[in-house]
Amino acid sequence: SLNIAKAIQLFAAKCEQSICTDSEGSQVVSAPTPAQLRNISAINILYNFCSMITKMQLMKDFVVQQASKL
């Protein structure tokens, strides 16, 4: 459990480090820049990762609830 928490923290930190915050990453004038596309990709990865963790937590809670009925 502690290893899982550390892995999640490391993953989030790596995603945060990959985000571009300079003008190339934030300027909205025309088509997305490569930095903006990387930012979009990182955010999508984090969103999907968070969704999977939430689903796993819900599944765990359901299994525990069902097991308590036995």
C-alpha atoms as a PDB file:
ATOM      1  CA  SER A   1       0.000   0.000   0.000  1.00  0.00           C
ATOM      2  CA  LEU A   2       2.830   2.391   0.849  1.00  0.00           C
ATOM      3  CA  ASN A   3       4.623   1.406  -2.372  1.00  0.00           C
ATOM      4  CA  ILE A   4       1.470   2.148  -4.357  1.00  0.00           C
ATOM      5  CA  ALA A   5       1.166   5.600  -2.788  1.00  0.00           C
ATOM      6  CA  LYS A   6       4.818   6.345  -3.546  1.00  0.00           C
ATOM      7  CA  ALA A   7       4.401   5.169  -7.144  1.00  0.00           C
ATOM      8  CA  ILE A   8       1.355   7.408  -7.608  1.00  0.00           C
ATOM      9  CA  GLN A   9       3.206  10.394  -6.123  1.00  0.00           C
ATOM     10  CA  LEU A  10       6.191   9.755  -8.399  1.00  0.00           C
ATOM     11  CA  PHE A  11       3.943   9.444 -11.449  1.00  0.00           C
ATOM     12  CA  ALA A  12       2.169  12.715 -10.603  1.00  0.00           C
ATOM     13  CA  ALA A  13       5.495  14.485 -10.022  1.00  0.00           C
ATOM     14  CA  LYS A  14       6.861  13.284 -13.372  1.00  0.00           C
ATOM     15  CA  CYS A  15       3.723  14.502 -15.139  1.00  0.00           C
ATOM     16  CA  GLU A  16       3.981  17.854 -13.372  1.00  0.00           C
ATOM     17  CA  GLN A  17       7.637  18.182 -14.408  1.00  0.00           C
ATOM     18  CA  SER A  18       6.708  17.529 -18.035  1.00  0.00           C
ATOM     19  CA  ILE A  19       4.196  20.411 -18.176  1.00  0.00           C
ATOM     20  CA  CYS A  20       5.417  23.419 -20.146  1.00  0.00           C
ATOM     21  CA  THR A  21       4.506  26.704 -18.439  1.00  0.00           C
ATOM     22  CA  ASP A  22       6.403  29.218 -20.571  1.00  0.00           C
ATOM     23  CA  SER A  23       4.857  31.283 -23.366  1.00  0.00           C
ATOM     24  CA  GLU A  24       5.068  28.374 -25.825  1.00  0.00           C
ATOM     25  CA  GLY A  25       2.907  26.298 -23.531  1.00  0.00           C
ATOM     26  CA  SER A  26       0.349  28.943 -22.654  1.00  0.00           C
ATOM     27  CA  GLN A  27       0.039  31.269 -25.641  1.00  0.00           C
ATOM     28  CA  VAL A  28      -3.220  30.722 -27.532  1.00  0.00           C
ATOM     29  CA  VAL A  29      -2.988  32.374 -30.935  1.00  0.00           C
ATOM     30  CA  SER A  30      -3.257  29.722 -33.619  1.00  0.00           C
ATOM     31  CA  ALA A  31      -2.789  25.972 -33.894  1.00  0.00           C
ATOM     32  CA  PRO A  32      -1.485  24.212 -30.769  1.00  0.00           C
ATOM     33  CA  THR A  33       2.288  24.237 -30.364  1.00  0.00           C
ATOM     34  CA  PRO A  34       4.238  21.029 -29.665  1.00  0.00           C
ATOM     35  CA  ALA A  35       4.505  22.121 -26.015  1.00  0.00           C
ATOM     36  CA  GLN A  36       0.744  22.574 -25.793  1.00  0.00           C
ATOM     37  CA  LEU A  37       0.182  19.157 -27.352  1.00  0.00           C
ATOM     38  CA  ARG A  38       2.510  17.620 -24.740  1.00  0.00           C
ATOM     39  CA  ASN A  39       0.591  19.431 -22.006  1.00  0.00           C
ATOM     40  CA  ILE A  40      -2.697  18.110 -23.368  1.00  0.00           C
ATOM     41  CA  SER A  41      -1.269  14.608 -23.484  1.00  0.00           C
ATOM     42  CA  ALA A  42       0.004  14.823 -19.895  1.00  0.00           C
ATOM     43  CA  ILE A  43      -3.362  16.086 -18.643  1.00  0.00           C
ATOM     44  CA  ASN A  44      -5.219  13.327 -20.496  1.00  0.00           C
ATOM     45  CA  ILE A  45      -2.882  10.711 -19.014  1.00  0.00           C
ATOM     46  CA  LEU A  46      -3.430  12.096 -15.498  1.00  0.00           C
ATOM     47  CA  TYR A  47      -7.198  12.194 -16.010  1.00  0.00           C
ATOM     48  CA  ASN A  48      -7.305   8.588 -17.218  1.00  0.00           C
ATOM     49  CA  PHE A  49      -5.010   7.484 -14.399  1.00  0.00           C
ATOM     50  CA  CYS A  50      -7.221   9.208 -11.826  1.00  0.00           C
ATOM     51  CA  SER A  51     -10.327   7.637 -13.364  1.00  0.00           C
ATOM     52  CA  MET A  52      -8.781   4.169 -13.146  1.00  0.00           C
ATOM     53  CA  ILE A  53      -7.773   4.674  -9.513  1.00  0.00           C
ATOM     54  CA  THR A  54     -11.298   5.848  -8.676  1.00  0.00           C
ATOM     55  CA  LYS A  55     -12.813   2.793 -10.395  1.00  0.00           C
ATOM     56  CA  MET A  56     -10.439   0.461  -8.567  1.00  0.00           C
ATOM     57  CA  GLN A  57     -11.352   2.071  -5.230  1.00  0.00           C
ATOM     58  CA  LEU A  58     -15.060   1.667  -5.988  1.00  0.00           C
ATOM     59  CA  MET A  59     -14.513  -1.978  -6.957  1.00  0.00           C
ATOM     60  CA  LYS A  60     -12.553  -2.594  -3.754  1.00  0.00           C
ATOM     61  CA  ASP A  61     -15.293  -0.996  -1.672  1.00  0.00           C
ATOM     62  CA  PHE A  62     -17.922  -3.126  -3.441  1.00  0.00           C
ATOM     63  CA  VAL A  63     -15.972  -6.342  -2.855  1.00  0.00           C
ATOM     64  CA  VAL A  64     -15.501  -5.500   0.829  1.00  0.00           C
ATOM     65  CA  GLN A  65     -19.210  -4.736   1.131  1.00  0.00           C
ATOM     66  CA  GLN A  66     -20.185  -8.009  -0.565  1.00  0.00           C
ATOM     67  CA  ALA A  67     -17.736  -9.999   1.545  1.00  0.00           C
ATOM     68  CA  SER A  68     -19.222  -8.558   4.725  1.00  0.00           C
ATOM     69  CA  LYS A  69     -22.618  -9.973   3.690  1.00  0.00           C
ATOM     70  CA  LEU A  70     -21.277 -13.534   3.612  1.00  0.00           C
END
